[in-house]
């Protein structure tokens, strides 16, 4: 004997979920920058050095002197001889000169004499006047740009629910 049967076959519904993550993009443009710098102004003031060389005594040592100096020298020698003649015993001095031999100096004589050339030096004077110019800097910042795509979720039915009922061994 066969009994009537009911066969049921069911299928559960399936849901599918699609997600899309949020996206954020931030872009920072560089700032607009301009710089200017004028060159410094430099002024240099120079007073040149001065070198003075006086060779008058050196030339006098070599018997090369001006006529005015030679006249002064002979006048001084004449005055000294006159004073010596007045203050001394001229007869005894002449007798002594005639009786003795003249002593000649030995050795080397330097012409011109040491340190007869006079040297004077004034160093140069240099003054610097510097005027600096500050740089001119202009900076314009640019705002950042933001792009935001929000997070999203999509749900859909992947498979619908299904119920199948089947009657077996049923005679109608």
Protein backbone atom coordinates (compact mmCIF):
# COMPACT_ATOMS: atom_id res chain seq x y z
CA UNK A 1 0.00 0.00 0.00
CA UNK A 2 1.13 3.32 -0.83
CA UNK A 3 0.44 6.20 1.41
CA UNK A 4 -0.05 9.60 0.09
CA UNK A 5 2.92 11.84 0.70
CA UNK A 6 3.53 15.49 0.64
CA UNK A 7 6.99 16.49 -0.32
CA UNK A 8 8.02 20.05 0.38
CA UNK A 9 11.19 21.51 -0.86
CA UNK A 10 12.04 24.98 0.28
CA UNK A 11 14.80 27.30 -0.60
CA UNK A 12 15.69 30.17 1.67
CA UNK A 13 15.93 33.63 0.26
CA UNK A 14 19.44 34.98 -0.03
CA UNK A 15 20.32 38.61 0.34
CA UNK A 16 23.42 40.07 -1.14
CA UNK A 17 25.13 43.18 0.21
CA UNK A 18 27.49 45.36 -1.82
CA UNK A 19 29.49 47.91 0.14
CA UNK A 20 31.63 50.69 -1.18
CA UNK A 21 34.11 52.19 1.24
CA UNK A 22 34.17 55.89 1.77
CA UNK A 23 36.86 57.79 -0.13
CA UNK A 24 38.47 60.99 0.92
CA UNK A 25 40.97 62.89 -1.20
CA UNK A 26 42.74 65.94 0.17
CA UNK A 27 44.98 68.00 -2.09
CA UNK A 28 47.09 70.88 -0.82
CA UNK A 29 48.32 73.16 -3.62
CA UNK A 30 51.61 74.89 -2.98
CA UNK A 31 51.51 78.47 -1.84
CA UNK A 32 52.14 81.22 -4.37
CA UNK A 33 55.45 82.72 -3.32
CA UNK A 34 57.25 85.74 -4.73
CA UNK A 35 60.55 87.03 -3.43
CA UNK A 36 62.47 90.15 -4.38
CA UNK A 37 65.77 91.36 -3.01
CA UNK A 38 67.46 94.50 -4.15
CA UNK A 39 71.24 94.32 -3.95
CA UNK A 40 72.97 96.03 -1.07
CA UNK A 41 74.40 99.48 -1.66
CA UNK A 42 78.10 99.63 -0.81
CA UNK A 43 80.09 102.87 -0.78
CA UNK A 44 83.82 102.78 -0.15
CA UNK A 45 85.64 105.98 0.81
CA UNK A 46 89.41 105.77 0.64
CA UNK A 47 91.99 108.27 1.78
CA UNK A 48 95.19 107.04 0.14
CA UNK A 49 98.29 106.29 2.16
CA UNK A 50 101.06 108.89 2.16
CA UNK A 51 104.75 108.05 2.02
CA UNK A 52 107.21 110.87 2.63
CA UNK A 53 110.93 110.35 2.00
CA UNK A 54 113.31 113.16 3.05
CA UNK A 55 116.80 112.69 1.52
CA UNK A 56 118.12 116.15 2.41
CA UNK A 57 120.66 114.86 4.97
CA UNK A 58 121.80 112.03 2.69
CA UNK A 59 122.52 114.51 -0.11
CA UNK A 60 124.31 116.80 2.37
CA UNK A 61 126.53 113.88 3.44
CA UNK A 62 127.54 113.48 -0.22
CA UNK A 63 128.20 117.23 -0.48
CA UNK A 64 125.16 117.71 -2.71
CA UNK A 65 123.19 120.41 -0.93
CA UNK A 66 121.29 123.51 -1.88
CA UNK A 67 123.10 126.82 -2.12
CA UNK A 68 121.14 128.24 0.80
CA UNK A 69 122.21 125.40 3.07
CA UNK A 70 125.81 125.67 1.89
CA UNK A 71 125.79 129.43 2.67
CA UNK A 72 124.38 128.71 6.15
CA UNK A 73 127.04 126.03 6.76
CA UNK A 74 129.91 128.37 5.73
CA UNK A 75 128.48 131.22 7.79
CA UNK A 76 128.29 128.92 10.87
CA UNK A 77 131.89 127.76 10.29
CA UNK A 78 133.07 131.39 9.95
CA UNK A 79 131.32 132.39 13.18
CA UNK A 80 132.82 129.42 15.04
CA UNK A 81 136.32 130.29 13.76
CA UNK A 82 135.87 133.91 14.78
CA UNK A 83 134.76 132.95 18.31
CA UNK A 84 137.65 130.47 18.59
CA UNK A 85 140.08 133.16 17.45
CA UNK A 86 138.75 135.59 20.03
CA UNK A 87 138.64 133.17 22.96
CA UNK A 88 141.89 131.21 22.39
CA UNK A 89 145.63 131.74 22.13
CA UNK A 90 146.16 131.75 18.34
CA UNK A 91 149.97 131.67 18.41
CA UNK A 92 150.15 128.60 20.66
CA UNK A 93 147.47 126.81 18.63
CA UNK A 94 149.33 127.46 15.36
CA UNK A 95 152.63 126.26 16.85
CA UNK A 96 150.97 123.07 18.00
CA UNK A 97 149.38 122.51 14.57
CA UNK A 98 152.69 122.96 12.80
CA UNK A 99 154.61 120.67 15.14
CA UNK A 100 152.33 117.67 15.05
CA UNK A 101 151.47 115.47 12.20
CA UNK A 102 147.92 115.38 11.16
CA UNK A 103 146.21 112.17 12.32
CA UNK A 104 144.18 110.59 9.64
CA UNK A 105 141.19 108.52 10.65
CA UNK A 106 141.31 104.85 9.74
CA UNK A 107 138.29 102.82 8.80
CA UNK A 108 135.42 102.89 6.47
CA UNK A 109 133.22 105.87 6.23
CA UNK A 110 129.64 105.36 5.01
CA UNK A 111 128.27 107.97 2.73
CA UNK A 112 125.48 108.79 3.32
CA UNK A 113 125.51 108.18 7.06
CA UNK A 114 123.13 105.79 8.75
CA UNK A 115 119.56 106.96 9.18
CA UNK A 116 120.17 110.09 7.12
CA UNK A 117 117.14 109.28 4.94
CA UNK A 118 113.98 110.13 6.88
CA UNK A 119 110.92 108.02 6.03
CA UNK A 120 107.40 108.80 7.22
CA UNK A 121 104.32 106.75 6.29
CA UNK A 122 100.67 107.48 6.99
CA UNK A 123 98.55 104.40 6.23
CA UNK A 124 95.49 104.59 4.03
CA UNK A 125 92.10 105.10 5.64
CA UNK A 126 89.29 103.00 4.16
CA UNK A 127 85.68 103.45 5.25
CA UNK A 128 82.84 101.19 4.16
CA UNK A 129 79.24 102.37 4.12
CA UNK A 130 76.89 99.44 3.55
CA UNK A 131 73.12 99.80 3.24
CA UNK A 132 71.32 96.48 3.14
CA UNK A 133 67.90 96.13 1.60
CA UNK A 134 65.50 93.74 3.25
CA UNK A 135 63.93 91.08 1.06
CA UNK A 136 60.31 91.52 0.00
CA UNK A 137 58.52 88.21 0.44
CA UNK A 138 54.89 87.75 -0.50
CA UNK A 139 53.27 84.42 0.27
CA UNK A 140 49.68 83.58 -0.65
CA UNK A 141 48.59 80.25 0.80
CA UNK A 142 46.16 78.18 -1.24
CA UNK A 143 43.37 76.41 0.58
CA UNK A 144 43.30 72.64 0.47
CA UNK A 145 40.69 70.91 -1.67
CA UNK A 146 38.62 68.08 -0.24
CA UNK A 147 36.77 65.38 -2.15
CA UNK A 148 34.62 62.98 -0.17
CA UNK A 149 32.64 60.09 -1.52
CA UNK A 150 30.49 58.70 1.31
CA UNK A 151 30.31 55.07 2.26
CA UNK A 152 27.45 53.22 0.57
CA UNK A 153 25.64 49.95 1.08
CA UNK A 154 23.42 48.31 -1.52
CA UNK A 155 21.32 45.34 -0.66
CA UNK A 156 19.51 43.18 -3.16
CA UNK A 157 17.86 39.83 -3.36
CA UNK A 158 20.32 37.31 -4.69
CA UNK A 159 17.93 34.39 -4.58
CA UNK A 160 14.22 34.59 -3.87
CA UNK A 161 12.57 32.31 -1.36
CA UNK A 162 10.97 29.26 -2.99
CA UNK A 163 8.62 26.65 -1.67
CA UNK A 164 7.68 23.69 -3.82
CA UNK A 165 4.98 21.38 -2.61
CA UNK A 166 4.53 18.05 -4.30
CA UNK A 167 1.85 15.50 -3.58
CA UNK A 168 2.84 11.91 -4.24
CA UNK A 169 0.49 8.87 -4.41
CA UNK A 170 -2.57 10.90 -4.31
CA UNK A 171 -5.34 9.87 -6.50
CA UNK A 172 -7.80 12.37 -7.26
